Amino acid sequence: MSFTAGRAALLLVAAFSLATGILGGLARAGWGIPLPAAAAHHGVLMIGGFLGTVISLERAVALGHPAAFAAPLAAGAGTALLLAGVDASLWLAAPVLLMALSIAVLRRQAELHTVLLLAGAAAWLTGNALHLAGASADATAKWWFAFLVLTIVAERLELARLMRPRPLARPLLIVLAGLLAAAAAADAAALYGAALAGLALWLAAFDIARRTVKTAGVSRYAALALLGGYGWLAAAGVAWMALPYFGPAARDAALHALGLGFVFSMIFAHAPIVVPVVARVRLRFTPFFYAPLVLLHVSLVVRLAPAADAFALRSWGAALNAGAVLLFALTVLWRVERRGPPAIT
């Protein structure tokens, strides 16, 4: 199998995990979809199956060594086996292999962002181990989201090197990342939320999106998606801080303002740039990319808005969440050109 075909196969595995995870989420939201395994493993499919595979694949492409593709393969295959109720050792192997990739990157370039990439992979391993050990869903979720947040912050920090660094920016980031890890280890929801809110403020203050939002085309679109995502990260921080006091009322906001509002805003922002590199295609930008981005934000407002019948509103919000992701995927497929160099215009 060629490297191109191998990448395509891994992307299909990630897409399958995403589609199954979304259907499982809709089943949990009350839509009566007969997929009990997908509903039970919604977080596994979205974080380990989809995002774990995609992040590992992106890291493997950056390294360019054939052995590096073992990490995304383990992420996809391990998630499928776990979903089928079969041995889940590959699911533990995936973050270990991602840590190995991160160490290889760190040896090439010893920078704060590469240290954070390694820390994110370690957080993924911790979350997977806790999940398999039967830990509480919230304790596991803290580590899984720490994996995603630290990875995203690391990637944004790498781009921020193009700007003149502020004197306190990096020390403050180290403190906030350490606070996030400490809160996850202590299973302290309020402290975890404070770390998320602090990271949101850090990104809003120091990210290069503050400058690129003044440009045009795909750069402006990506910047608006990023800044909107930072707003949802702050909202998620507030919800996590409220979790000990409001319990289930704040839980959906804590999980989905973070997992959908922040993480998927980052995906929408980065995909037009990352997809051409990973899939070796040309992707032409269109203002229609704003449609799924706006729908994502609107759907979250609907989902998380207080109402007398909160479950019904949450169900419709979840359906609109799924619609936003589907519309984005269709927009990407519509604008892909299989001929030409891997670039976006």
C-alpha atoms as a PDB file:
ATOM      1  CA  MET A   1       0.000   0.000   0.000  1.00  0.00           C
ATOM      2  CA  SER A   2       1.383   3.427  -0.983  1.00  0.00           C
ATOM      3  CA  PHE A   3       1.818   6.208   1.569  1.00  0.00           C
ATOM      4  CA  THR A   4      -0.977   8.152  -0.148  1.00  0.00           C
ATOM      5  CA  ALA A   5      -3.355   5.178   0.033  1.00  0.00           C
ATOM      6  CA  GLY A   6      -2.325   4.602   3.647  1.00  0.00           C
ATOM      7  CA  ARG A   7      -3.125   8.194   4.553  1.00  0.00           C
ATOM      8  CA  ALA A   8      -6.479   7.911   2.805  1.00  0.00           C
ATOM      9  CA  ALA A   9      -7.279   4.722   4.735  1.00  0.00           C
ATOM     10  CA  LEU A  10      -6.423   6.375   8.048  1.00  0.00           C
ATOM     11  CA  LEU A  11      -8.555   9.400   7.189  1.00  0.00           C
ATOM     12  CA  LEU A  12     -11.451   7.040   6.423  1.00  0.00           C
ATOM     13  CA  VAL A  13     -10.981   5.394   9.835  1.00  0.00           C
ATOM     14  CA  ALA A  14     -11.054   8.827  11.459  1.00  0.00           C
ATOM     15  CA  ALA A  15     -14.165   9.765   9.462  1.00  0.00           C
ATOM     16  CA  PHE A  16     -15.874   6.525  10.535  1.00  0.00           C
ATOM     17  CA  SER A  17     -15.082   7.272  14.190  1.00  0.00           C
ATOM     18  CA  LEU A  18     -16.419  10.810  13.776  1.00  0.00           C
ATOM     19  CA  ALA A  19     -19.655   9.686  12.102  1.00  0.00           C
ATOM     20  CA  THR A  20     -20.233   6.903  14.626  1.00  0.00           C
ATOM     21  CA  GLY A  21     -19.398   9.208  17.523  1.00  0.00           C
ATOM     22  CA  ILE A  22     -21.853  11.840  16.295  1.00  0.00           C
ATOM     23  CA  LEU A  23     -24.599   9.226  15.915  1.00  0.00           C
ATOM     24  CA  GLY A  24     -23.823   7.993  19.415  1.00  0.00           C
ATOM     25  CA  GLY A  25     -24.081  11.548  20.704  1.00  0.00           C
ATOM     26  CA  LEU A  26     -27.462  11.973  19.026  1.00  0.00           C
ATOM     27  CA  ALA A  27     -28.637   8.714  20.604  1.00  0.00           C
ATOM     28  CA  ARG A  28     -27.593  10.046  24.021  1.00  0.00           C
ATOM     29  CA  ALA A  29     -29.492  13.263  23.261  1.00  0.00           C
ATOM     30  CA  GLY A  30     -32.717  11.309  22.828  1.00  0.00           C
ATOM     31  CA  TRP A  31     -33.010  10.856  19.072  1.00  0.00           C
ATOM     32  CA  GLY A  32     -33.650   7.099  19.285  1.00  0.00           C
ATOM     33  CA  ILE A  33     -30.772   5.998  17.076  1.00  0.00           C
ATOM     34  CA  PRO A  34     -30.298   2.244  17.672  1.00  0.00           C
ATOM     35  CA  LEU A  35     -26.545   2.276  18.270  1.00  0.00           C
ATOM     36  CA  PRO A  36     -26.097   1.454  21.967  1.00  0.00           C
ATOM     37  CA  ALA A  37     -22.350   0.767  21.667  1.00  0.00           C
ATOM     38  CA  ALA A  38     -21.754   4.114  19.925  1.00  0.00           C
ATOM     39  CA  ALA A  39     -23.845   5.898  22.560  1.00  0.00           C
ATOM     40  CA  ALA A  40     -21.936   4.212  25.385  1.00  0.00           C
ATOM     41  CA  HIS A  41     -18.547   5.037  23.805  1.00  0.00           C
ATOM     42  CA  HIS A  42     -19.355   8.514  22.481  1.00  0.00           C
ATOM     43  CA  GLY A  43     -16.307  10.119  24.137  1.00  0.00           C
ATOM     44  CA  VAL A  44     -14.018   7.262  23.067  1.00  0.00           C
ATOM     45  CA  LEU A  45     -15.063   7.625  19.440  1.00  0.00           C
ATOM     46  CA  MET A  46     -14.779  11.401  19.310  1.00  0.00           C
ATOM     47  CA  ILE A  47     -11.548  11.854  21.262  1.00  0.00           C
ATOM     48  CA  GLY A  48      -9.612   8.618  20.797  1.00  0.00           C
ATOM     49  CA  GLY A  49     -10.997   7.455  17.462  1.00  0.00           C
ATOM     50  CA  PHE A  50     -11.404  10.693  15.539  1.00  0.00           C
ATOM     51  CA  LEU A  51      -9.163  13.303  17.145  1.00  0.00           C
ATOM     52  CA  GLY A  52      -6.519  10.836  18.332  1.00  0.00           C
ATOM     53  CA  THR A  53      -6.172   9.421  14.829  1.00  0.00           C
ATOM     54  CA  VAL A  54      -6.105  12.823  13.137  1.00  0.00           C
ATOM     55  CA  ILE A  55      -3.605  14.365  15.573  1.00  0.00           C
ATOM     56  CA  SER A  56      -1.339  11.307  15.359  1.00  0.00           C
ATOM     57  CA  LEU A  57      -1.573  11.338  11.562  1.00  0.00           C
ATOM     58  CA  GLU A  58      -0.676  15.021  11.418  1.00  0.00           C
ATOM     59  CA  ARG A  59       2.353  14.373  13.654  1.00  0.00           C
ATOM     60  CA  ALA A  60       3.388  11.365  11.533  1.00  0.00           C
ATOM     61  CA  VAL A  61       3.186  13.403   8.321  1.00  0.00           C
ATOM     62  CA  ALA A  62       5.341  16.112   9.903  1.00  0.00           C
ATOM     63  CA  LEU A  63       8.025  13.557  10.804  1.00  0.00           C
ATOM     64  CA  GLY A  64       7.827  11.852   7.431  1.00  0.00           C
ATOM     65  CA  HIS A  65       9.041   8.422   8.592  1.00  0.00           C
ATOM     66  CA  PRO A  66       6.983   5.306   7.689  1.00  0.00           C
ATOM     67  CA  ALA A  67       7.194   3.947  11.258  1.00  0.00           C
ATOM     68  CA  ALA A  68       5.518   7.119  12.553  1.00  0.00           C
ATOM     69  CA  PHE A  69       2.217   6.014  10.994  1.00  0.00           C
ATOM     70  CA  ALA A  70       1.924   3.236  13.586  1.00  0.00           C
ATOM     71  CA  ALA A  71       0.487   5.819  16.010  1.00  0.00           C
ATOM     72  CA  PRO A  72      -2.606   6.827  13.975  1.00  0.00           C
ATOM     73  CA  LEU A  73      -3.072   3.181  12.950  1.00  0.00           C
ATOM     74  CA  ALA A  74      -3.132   2.120  16.608  1.00  0.00           C
ATOM     75  CA  ALA A  75      -5.539   4.941  17.464  1.00  0.00           C
ATOM     76  CA  GLY A  76      -8.028   3.936  14.788  1.00  0.00           C
ATOM     77  CA  ALA A  77      -7.710   0.172  15.197  1.00  0.00           C
ATOM     78  CA  GLY A  78      -7.678   0.326  18.989  1.00  0.00           C
ATOM     79  CA  THR A  79     -10.853   2.382  19.080  1.00  0.00           C
ATOM     80  CA  ALA A  80     -12.595  -0.049  16.711  1.00  0.00           C
ATOM     81  CA  LEU A  81     -11.574  -3.000  18.903  1.00  0.00           C
ATOM     82  CA  LEU A  82     -12.679  -1.235  22.070  1.00  0.00           C
ATOM     83  CA  LEU A  83     -16.024  -0.431  20.459  1.00  0.00           C
ATOM     84  CA  ALA A  84     -16.412  -4.111  19.552  1.00  0.00           C
ATOM     85  CA  GLY A  85     -15.615  -5.181  23.110  1.00  0.00           C
ATOM     86  CA  VAL A  86     -12.319  -6.803  22.079  1.00  0.00           C
ATOM     87  CA  ASP A  87      -8.853  -6.409  23.665  1.00  0.00           C
ATOM     88  CA  ALA A  88      -8.041  -2.693  24.000  1.00  0.00           C
ATOM     89  CA  SER A  89      -4.239  -2.870  24.258  1.00  0.00           C
ATOM     90  CA  LEU A  90      -3.892  -1.004  20.965  1.00  0.00           C
ATOM     91  CA  TRP A  91      -5.910   1.836  22.477  1.00  0.00           C
ATOM     92  CA  LEU A  92      -3.234   2.202  25.138  1.00  0.00           C
ATOM     93  CA  ALA A  93      -0.510   1.787  22.522  1.00  0.00           C
ATOM     94  CA  ALA A  94      -1.763   4.753  20.497  1.00  0.00           C
ATOM     95  CA  PRO A  95      -0.864   7.489  23.028  1.00  0.00           C
ATOM     96  CA  VAL A  96       2.398   5.686  23.851  1.00  0.00           C
ATOM     97  CA  LEU A  97       3.328   5.815  20.174  1.00  0.00           C
ATOM     98  CA  LEU A  98       2.214   9.444  19.989  1.00  0.00           C
ATOM     99  CA  MET A  99       4.490  10.164  22.945  1.00  0.00           C
ATOM    100  CA  ALA A 100       7.334   8.524  21.009  1.00  0.00           C
ATOM    101  CA  LEU A 101       6.576  10.779  18.027  1.00  0.00           C
ATOM    102  CA  SER A 102       6.478  13.790  20.338  1.00  0.00           C
ATOM    103  CA  ILE A 103       9.844  12.855  21.838  1.00  0.00           C
ATOM    104  CA  ALA A 104      11.277  12.615  18.320  1.00  0.00           C
ATOM    105  CA  VAL A 105       9.925  16.091  17.561  1.00  0.00           C
ATOM    106  CA  LEU A 106      11.294  17.381  20.882  1.00  0.00           C
ATOM    107  CA  ARG A 107      14.760  16.015  20.087  1.00  0.00           C
ATOM    108  CA  ARG A 108      14.703  17.878  16.778  1.00  0.00           C
ATOM    109  CA  GLN A 109      13.423  21.087  18.304  1.00  0.00           C
ATOM    110  CA  ALA A 110      13.589  21.631  22.063  1.00  0.00           C
ATOM    111  CA  GLU A 111      10.986  24.367  22.465  1.00  0.00           C
ATOM    112  CA  LEU A 112       8.085  25.009  24.819  1.00  0.00           C
ATOM    113  CA  HIS A 113       5.528  24.040  22.179  1.00  0.00           C
ATOM    114  CA  THR A 114       7.175  20.629  21.631  1.00  0.00           C
ATOM    115  CA  VAL A 115       7.218  20.049  25.395  1.00  0.00           C
ATOM    116  CA  LEU A 116       3.474  20.803  25.467  1.00  0.00           C
ATOM    117  CA  LEU A 117       2.887  18.353  22.614  1.00  0.00           C
ATOM    118  CA  LEU A 118       4.558  15.642  24.689  1.00  0.00           C
ATOM    119  CA  ALA A 119       2.540  16.640  27.764  1.00  0.00           C
ATOM    120  CA  GLY A 120      -0.660  16.414  25.723  1.00  0.00           C
ATOM    121  CA  ALA A 121       0.169  12.884  24.558  1.00  0.00           C
ATOM    122  CA  ALA A 122       0.900  11.891  28.174  1.00  0.00           C
ATOM    123  CA  ALA A 123      -2.499  13.300  29.188  1.00  0.00           C
ATOM    124  CA  TRP A 124      -4.168  11.151  26.510  1.00  0.00           C
ATOM    125  CA  LEU A 125      -2.410   8.047  27.851  1.00  0.00           C
ATOM    126  CA  THR A 126      -3.516   8.882  31.392  1.00  0.00           C
ATOM    127  CA  GLY A 127      -7.132   9.358  30.309  1.00  0.00           C
ATOM    128  CA  ASN A 128      -7.171   6.080  28.385  1.00  0.00           C
ATOM    129  CA  ALA A 129      -5.670   4.183  31.321  1.00  0.00           C
ATOM    130  CA  LEU A 130      -8.229   5.670  33.728  1.00  0.00           C
ATOM    131  CA  HIS A 131     -11.077   4.833  31.357  1.00  0.00           C
ATOM    132  CA  LEU A 132      -9.986   1.215  31.089  1.00  0.00           C
ATOM    133  CA  ALA A 133      -9.558   1.067  34.874  1.00  0.00           C
ATOM    134  CA  GLY A 134     -13.174   2.140  35.358  1.00  0.00           C
ATOM    135  CA  ALA A 135     -12.565   5.666  36.663  1.00  0.00           C
ATOM    136  CA  SER A 136     -15.405   8.191  36.706  1.00  0.00           C
ATOM    137  CA  ALA A 137     -16.398   9.811  33.426  1.00  0.00           C
ATOM    138  CA  ASP A 138     -15.530  13.306  34.668  1.00  0.00           C
ATOM    139  CA  ALA A 139     -12.073  12.240  35.886  1.00  0.00           C
ATOM    140  CA  THR A 140     -11.335  10.635  32.514  1.00  0.00           C
ATOM    141  CA  ALA A 141     -12.747  13.590  30.589  1.00  0.00           C
ATOM    142  CA  LYS A 142     -10.395  16.009  32.354  1.00  0.00           C
ATOM    143  CA  TRP A 143      -7.346  14.139  31.033  1.00  0.00           C
ATOM    144  CA  TRP A 144      -8.800  13.654  27.553  1.00  0.00           C
ATOM    145  CA  PHE A 145      -9.622  17.326  27.240  1.00  0.00           C
ATOM    146  CA  ALA A 146      -6.206  18.223  28.657  1.00  0.00           C
ATOM    147  CA  PHE A 147      -4.746  16.235  25.743  1.00  0.00           C
ATOM    148  CA  LEU A 148      -6.728  18.287  23.229  1.00  0.00           C
ATOM    149  CA  VAL A 149      -6.253  21.656  24.914  1.00  0.00           C
ATOM    150  CA  LEU A 150      -2.483  21.254  25.384  1.00  0.00           C
ATOM    151  CA  THR A 151      -2.083  20.047  21.793  1.00  0.00           C
ATOM    152  CA  ILE A 152      -4.008  23.002  20.404  1.00  0.00           C
ATOM    153  CA  VAL A 153      -2.188  25.509  22.621  1.00  0.00           C
ATOM    154  CA  ALA A 154       1.141  24.010  21.513  1.00  0.00           C
ATOM    155  CA  GLU A 155       0.245  24.421  17.841  1.00  0.00           C
ATOM    156  CA  ARG A 156      -0.881  28.004  18.381  1.00  0.00           C
ATOM    157  CA  LEU A 157       2.288  28.729  20.368  1.00  0.00           C
ATOM    158  CA  GLU A 158       4.394  27.469  17.479  1.00  0.00           C
ATOM    159  CA  LEU A 159       2.726  29.960  15.154  1.00  0.00           C
ATOM    160  CA  ALA A 160       3.023  32.741  17.743  1.00  0.00           C
ATOM    161  CA  ARG A 161       6.802  32.534  17.404  1.00  0.00           C
ATOM    162  CA  LEU A 162       6.358  34.736  14.341  1.00  0.00           C
ATOM    163  CA  MET A 163       5.355  37.551  16.700  1.00  0.00           C
ATOM    164  CA  ARG A 164       7.611  39.340  19.144  1.00  0.00           C
ATOM    165  CA  PRO A 165       7.191  37.419  22.439  1.00  0.00           C
ATOM    166  CA  ARG A 166       5.752  39.271  25.425  1.00  0.00           C
ATOM    167  CA  PRO A 167       7.964  39.058  28.545  1.00  0.00           C
ATOM    168  CA  LEU A 168       5.441  37.196  30.735  1.00  0.00           C
ATOM    169  CA  ALA A 169       3.654  35.188  28.045  1.00  0.00           C
ATOM    170  CA  ARG A 170       5.639  31.950  28.263  1.00  0.00           C
ATOM    171  CA  PRO A 171       6.040  31.792  32.058  1.00  0.00           C
ATOM    172  CA  LEU A 172       2.302  32.410  32.396  1.00  0.00           C
ATOM    173  CA  LEU A 173       1.539  29.643  29.898  1.00  0.00           C
ATOM    174  CA  ILE A 174       3.738  27.196  31.824  1.00  0.00           C
ATOM    175  CA  VAL A 175       1.869  28.032  35.043  1.00  0.00           C
ATOM    176  CA  LEU A 176      -1.546  27.588  33.379  1.00  0.00           C
ATOM    177  CA  ALA A 177      -0.580  24.288  31.729  1.00  0.00           C
ATOM    178  CA  GLY A 178       0.744  23.010  35.046  1.00  0.00           C
ATOM    179  CA  LEU A 179      -2.452  24.108  36.765  1.00  0.00           C
ATOM    180  CA  LEU A 180      -4.523  22.217  34.189  1.00  0.00           C
ATOM    181  CA  ALA A 181      -2.525  19.025  34.755  1.00  0.00           C
ATOM    182  CA  ALA A 182      -2.644  19.414  38.542  1.00  0.00           C
ATOM    183  CA  ALA A 183      -6.412  19.946  38.464  1.00  0.00           C
ATOM    184  CA  ALA A 184      -6.886  16.852  36.297  1.00  0.00           C
ATOM    185  CA  ALA A 185      -4.710  14.789  38.653  1.00  0.00           C
ATOM    186  CA  ALA A 186      -6.648  16.015  41.687  1.00  0.00           C
ATOM    187  CA  ASP A 187     -10.000  15.638  39.864  1.00  0.00           C
ATOM    188  CA  ALA A 188     -10.758  19.218  40.960  1.00  0.00           C
ATOM    189  CA  ALA A 189     -13.443  20.650  38.688  1.00  0.00           C
ATOM    190  CA  ALA A 190     -13.283  24.254  39.891  1.00  0.00           C
ATOM    191  CA  LEU A 191      -9.506  24.420  39.564  1.00  0.00           C
ATOM    192  CA  TYR A 192      -9.712  22.762  36.152  1.00  0.00           C
ATOM    193  CA  GLY A 193     -12.207  25.386  35.022  1.00  0.00           C
ATOM    194  CA  ALA A 194      -9.971  28.184  36.281  1.00  0.00           C
ATOM    195  CA  ALA A 195      -7.080  26.775  34.233  1.00  0.00           C
ATOM    196  CA  LEU A 196      -9.270  26.594  31.113  1.00  0.00           C
ATOM    197  CA  ALA A 197     -10.464  30.166  31.583  1.00  0.00           C
ATOM    198  CA  GLY A 198      -6.882  31.305  32.092  1.00  0.00           C
ATOM    199  CA  LEU A 199      -5.748  29.550  28.912  1.00  0.00           C
ATOM    200  CA  ALA A 200      -8.628  31.164  27.002  1.00  0.00           C
ATOM    201  CA  LEU A 201      -7.478  34.602  28.148  1.00  0.00           C
ATOM    202  CA  TRP A 202      -3.867  33.714  27.298  1.00  0.00           C
ATOM    203  CA  LEU A 203      -4.819  32.674  23.762  1.00  0.00           C
ATOM    204  CA  ALA A 204      -6.994  35.744  23.240  1.00  0.00           C
ATOM    205  CA  ALA A 205      -4.153  37.993  24.377  1.00  0.00           C
ATOM    206  CA  PHE A 206      -1.138  36.403  22.700  1.00  0.00           C
ATOM    207  CA  ASP A 207      -2.328  34.384  19.692  1.00  0.00           C
ATOM    208  CA  ILE A 208      -1.439  35.564  16.198  1.00  0.00           C
ATOM    209  CA  ALA A 209      -5.166  35.460  15.315  1.00  0.00           C
ATOM    210  CA  ARG A 210      -5.422  38.945  16.828  1.00  0.00           C
ATOM    211  CA  ARG A 211      -3.441  40.177  13.821  1.00  0.00           C
ATOM    212  CA  THR A 212      -4.645  37.858  11.057  1.00  0.00           C
ATOM    213  CA  VAL A 213      -8.292  38.742  11.765  1.00  0.00           C
ATOM    214  CA  LYS A 214      -7.517  42.054  10.066  1.00  0.00           C
ATOM    215  CA  THR A 215      -6.562  40.303   6.803  1.00  0.00           C
ATOM    216  CA  ALA A 216      -8.859  38.691   4.234  1.00  0.00           C
ATOM    217  CA  GLY A 217      -9.773  35.338   2.736  1.00  0.00           C
ATOM    218  CA  VAL A 218      -8.886  32.107   4.518  1.00  0.00           C
ATOM    219  CA  SER A 219      -6.616  33.891   7.021  1.00  0.00           C
ATOM    220  CA  ARG A 220      -9.472  36.061   8.283  1.00  0.00           C
ATOM    221  CA  TYR A 221     -11.849  33.097   8.344  1.00  0.00           C
ATOM    222  CA  ALA A 222      -9.387  31.031  10.399  1.00  0.00           C
ATOM    223  CA  ALA A 223      -8.786  33.915  12.800  1.00  0.00           C
ATOM    224  CA  LEU A 224     -12.506  34.434  13.403  1.00  0.00           C
ATOM    225  CA  ALA A 225     -12.962  30.700  14.004  1.00  0.00           C
ATOM    226  CA  LEU A 226     -10.063  30.722  16.462  1.00  0.00           C
ATOM    227  CA  LEU A 227     -11.246  33.768  18.390  1.00  0.00           C
ATOM    228  CA  GLY A 228     -14.771  32.362  18.613  1.00  0.00           C
ATOM    229  CA  GLY A 229     -13.297  29.112  19.906  1.00  0.00           C
ATOM    230  CA  TYR A 230     -11.407  30.976  22.607  1.00  0.00           C
ATOM    231  CA  GLY A 231     -14.707  32.455  23.731  1.00  0.00           C
ATOM    232  CA  TRP A 232     -16.168  28.960  24.088  1.00  0.00           C
ATOM    233  CA  LEU A 233     -13.055  27.842  25.972  1.00  0.00           C
ATOM    234  CA  ALA A 234     -13.671  30.630  28.480  1.00  0.00           C
ATOM    235  CA  ALA A 235     -17.331  29.627  28.736  1.00  0.00           C
ATOM    236  CA  ALA A 236     -16.270  26.023  29.331  1.00  0.00           C
ATOM    237  CA  GLY A 237     -13.959  27.203  32.101  1.00  0.00           C
ATOM    238  CA  VAL A 238     -16.836  28.972  33.824  1.00  0.00           C
ATOM    239  CA  ALA A 239     -19.031  25.871  33.463  1.00  0.00           C
ATOM    240  CA  TRP A 240     -16.333  23.597  34.933  1.00  0.00           C
ATOM    241  CA  MET A 241     -15.947  26.010  37.857  1.00  0.00           C
ATOM    242  CA  ALA A 242     -19.732  25.857  38.391  1.00  0.00           C
ATOM    243  CA  LEU A 243     -19.838  22.054  38.187  1.00  0.00           C
ATOM    244  CA  PRO A 244     -19.359  21.403  41.950  1.00  0.00           C
ATOM    245  CA  TYR A 245     -22.274  23.727  42.719  1.00  0.00           C
ATOM    246  CA  PHE A 246     -24.768  23.077  39.901  1.00  0.00           C
ATOM    247  CA  GLY A 247     -23.892  19.481  38.962  1.00  0.00           C
ATOM    248  CA  PRO A 248     -25.855  18.112  35.960  1.00  0.00           C
ATOM    249  CA  ALA A 249     -27.130  21.580  35.031  1.00  0.00           C
ATOM    250  CA  ALA A 250     -23.582  22.697  34.240  1.00  0.00           C
ATOM    251  CA  ARG A 251     -22.188  19.377  33.000  1.00  0.00           C
ATOM    252  CA  ASP A 252     -23.431  19.542  29.416  1.00  0.00           C
ATOM    253  CA  ALA A 253     -22.051  23.073  29.099  1.00  0.00           C
ATOM    254  CA  ALA A 254     -18.734  22.047  30.666  1.00  0.00           C
ATOM    255  CA  LEU A 255     -18.283  19.166  28.227  1.00  0.00           C
ATOM    256  CA  HIS A 256     -19.696  20.588  25.014  1.00  0.00           C
ATOM    257  CA  ALA A 257     -18.615  24.224  25.217  1.00  0.00           C
ATOM    258  CA  LEU A 258     -15.150  22.667  25.399  1.00  0.00           C
ATOM    259  CA  GLY A 259     -15.493  19.651  23.090  1.00  0.00           C
ATOM    260  CA  LEU A 260     -17.653  21.314  20.435  1.00  0.00           C
ATOM    261  CA  GLY A 261     -17.317  25.061  20.902  1.00  0.00           C
ATOM    262  CA  PHE A 262     -13.550  25.141  21.403  1.00  0.00           C
ATOM    263  CA  VAL A 263     -12.215  21.964  19.790  1.00  0.00           C
ATOM    264  CA  PHE A 264     -14.399  22.018  16.684  1.00  0.00           C
ATOM    265  CA  SER A 265     -13.833  25.734  16.180  1.00  0.00           C
ATOM    266  CA  MET A 266     -10.130  24.844  16.096  1.00  0.00           C
ATOM    267  CA  ILE A 267     -10.837  22.063  13.585  1.00  0.00           C
ATOM    268  CA  PHE A 268     -12.866  24.398  11.381  1.00  0.00           C
ATOM    269  CA  ALA A 269     -10.041  26.954  11.563  1.00  0.00           C
ATOM    270  CA  HIS A 270      -7.143  24.598  10.862  1.00  0.00           C
ATOM    271  CA  ALA A 271      -8.705  22.101   8.444  1.00  0.00           C
ATOM    272  CA  PRO A 272      -8.474  24.313   5.326  1.00  0.00           C
ATOM    273  CA  ILE A 273      -4.716  24.501   5.948  1.00  0.00           C
ATOM    274  CA  VAL A 274      -4.020  21.032   7.373  1.00  0.00           C
ATOM    275  CA  VAL A 275      -6.152  18.915   5.006  1.00  0.00           C
ATOM    276  CA  PRO A 276      -4.120  19.826   1.883  1.00  0.00           C
ATOM    277  CA  VAL A 277      -0.877  18.859   3.640  1.00  0.00           C
ATOM    278  CA  VAL A 278      -2.129  15.584   5.145  1.00  0.00           C
ATOM    279  CA  ALA A 279      -4.260  14.417   2.193  1.00  0.00           C
ATOM    280  CA  ARG A 280      -2.024  15.889  -0.546  1.00  0.00           C
ATOM    281  CA  VAL A 281      -4.840  17.723  -2.296  1.00  0.00           C
ATOM    282  CA  ARG A 282      -5.619  21.294  -3.261  1.00  0.00           C
ATOM    283  CA  LEU A 283      -8.392  22.993  -1.315  1.00  0.00           C
ATOM    284  CA  ARG A 284      -9.894  26.223  -2.598  1.00  0.00           C
ATOM    285  CA  PHE A 285     -11.342  28.564   0.007  1.00  0.00           C
ATOM    286  CA  THR A 286     -14.869  29.883  -0.359  1.00  0.00           C
ATOM    287  CA  PRO A 287     -16.815  32.269   1.892  1.00  0.00           C
ATOM    288  CA  PHE A 288     -19.314  29.418   2.275  1.00  0.00           C
ATOM    289  CA  PHE A 289     -16.945  28.031   4.956  1.00  0.00           C
ATOM    290  CA  TYR A 290     -18.540  30.624   7.228  1.00  0.00           C
ATOM    291  CA  ALA A 291     -21.915  28.818   7.010  1.00  0.00           C
ATOM    292  CA  PRO A 292     -20.957  25.738   9.078  1.00  0.00           C
ATOM    293  CA  LEU A 293     -18.935  27.934  11.433  1.00  0.00           C
ATOM    294  CA  VAL A 294     -21.950  30.161  12.172  1.00  0.00           C
ATOM    295  CA  LEU A 295     -24.204  27.111  12.469  1.00  0.00           C
ATOM    296  CA  LEU A 296     -21.795  25.571  14.992  1.00  0.00           C
ATOM    297  CA  HIS A 297     -21.969  28.627  17.239  1.00  0.00           C
ATOM    298  CA  VAL A 298     -25.745  29.020  16.877  1.00  0.00           C
ATOM    299  CA  SER A 299     -26.315  25.334  17.593  1.00  0.00           C
ATOM    300  CA  LEU A 300     -24.302  25.571  20.806  1.00  0.00           C
ATOM    301  CA  VAL A 301     -26.276  28.611  21.944  1.00  0.00           C
ATOM    302  CA  VAL A 302     -29.476  26.618  21.339  1.00  0.00           C
ATOM    303  CA  ARG A 303     -28.091  23.560  23.108  1.00  0.00           C
ATOM    304  CA  LEU A 304     -26.826  25.366  26.199  1.00  0.00           C
ATOM    305  CA  ALA A 305     -29.514  28.034  26.598  1.00  0.00           C
ATOM    306  CA  PRO A 306     -31.544  27.785  29.826  1.00  0.00           C
ATOM    307  CA  ALA A 307     -35.131  26.703  29.199  1.00  0.00           C
ATOM    308  CA  ALA A 308     -38.097  25.126  30.940  1.00  0.00           C
ATOM    309  CA  ASP A 309     -37.724  22.014  28.778  1.00  0.00           C
ATOM    310  CA  ALA A 310     -33.923  21.841  28.800  1.00  0.00           C
ATOM    311  CA  PHE A 311     -33.749  18.273  27.453  1.00  0.00           C
ATOM    312  CA  ALA A 312     -35.768  19.111  24.331  1.00  0.00           C
ATOM    313  CA  LEU A 313     -33.631  22.168  23.642  1.00  0.00           C
ATOM    314  CA  ARG A 314     -30.484  20.135  24.192  1.00  0.00           C
ATOM    315  CA  SER A 315     -31.732  17.481  21.770  1.00  0.00           C
ATOM    316  CA  TRP A 316     -32.397  20.017  19.014  1.00  0.00           C
ATOM    317  CA  GLY A 317     -29.079  21.703  19.736  1.00  0.00           C
ATOM    318  CA  ALA A 318     -27.305  18.357  19.386  1.00  0.00           C
ATOM    319  CA  ALA A 319     -28.967  17.786  16.020  1.00  0.00           C
ATOM    320  CA  LEU A 320     -27.824  21.221  14.851  1.00  0.00           C
ATOM    321  CA  ASN A 321     -24.313  20.461  16.190  1.00  0.00           C
ATOM    322  CA  ALA A 322     -24.245  17.373  13.979  1.00  0.00           C
ATOM    323  CA  GLY A 323     -25.572  19.413  11.055  1.00  0.00           C
ATOM    324  CA  ALA A 324     -22.751  21.944  11.431  1.00  0.00           C
ATOM    325  CA  VAL A 325     -20.071  19.226  11.359  1.00  0.00           C
ATOM    326  CA  LEU A 326     -21.708  17.518   8.372  1.00  0.00           C
ATOM    327  CA  LEU A 327     -22.024  20.812   6.488  1.00  0.00           C
ATOM    328  CA  PHE A 328     -18.348  21.564   7.121  1.00  0.00           C
ATOM    329  CA  ALA A 329     -17.288  18.119   5.893  1.00  0.00           C
ATOM    330  CA  LEU A 330     -19.387  18.513   2.740  1.00  0.00           C
ATOM    331  CA  THR A 331     -17.921  21.977   2.144  1.00  0.00           C
ATOM    332  CA  VAL A 332     -14.388  20.580   2.358  1.00  0.00           C
ATOM    333  CA  LEU A 333     -15.246  17.750  -0.049  1.00  0.00           C
ATOM    334  CA  TRP A 334     -16.893  20.224  -2.413  1.00  0.00           C
ATOM    335  CA  ARG A 335     -13.783  22.436  -2.570  1.00  0.00           C
ATOM    336  CA  VAL A 336     -11.186  19.663  -2.831  1.00  0.00           C
ATOM    337  CA  GLU A 337      -9.307  19.395  -6.103  1.00  0.00           C
ATOM    338  CA  ARG A 338      -7.404  16.163  -6.487  1.00  0.00           C
ATOM    339  CA  ARG A 339      -4.976  17.527  -9.055  1.00  0.00           C
ATOM    340  CA  GLY A 340      -2.260  20.052  -8.401  1.00  0.00           C
ATOM    341  CA  PRO A 341       0.089  20.729  -5.480  1.00  0.00           C
ATOM    342  CA  PRO A 342      -1.175  20.457  -1.901  1.00  0.00           C
ATOM    343  CA  ALA A 343      -2.080  24.080  -1.331  1.00  0.00           C
ATOM    344  CA  ILE A 344      -5.073  26.236  -0.427  1.00  0.00           C
ATOM    345  CA  THR A 345      -6.084  29.270  -2.434  1.00  0.00           C
END
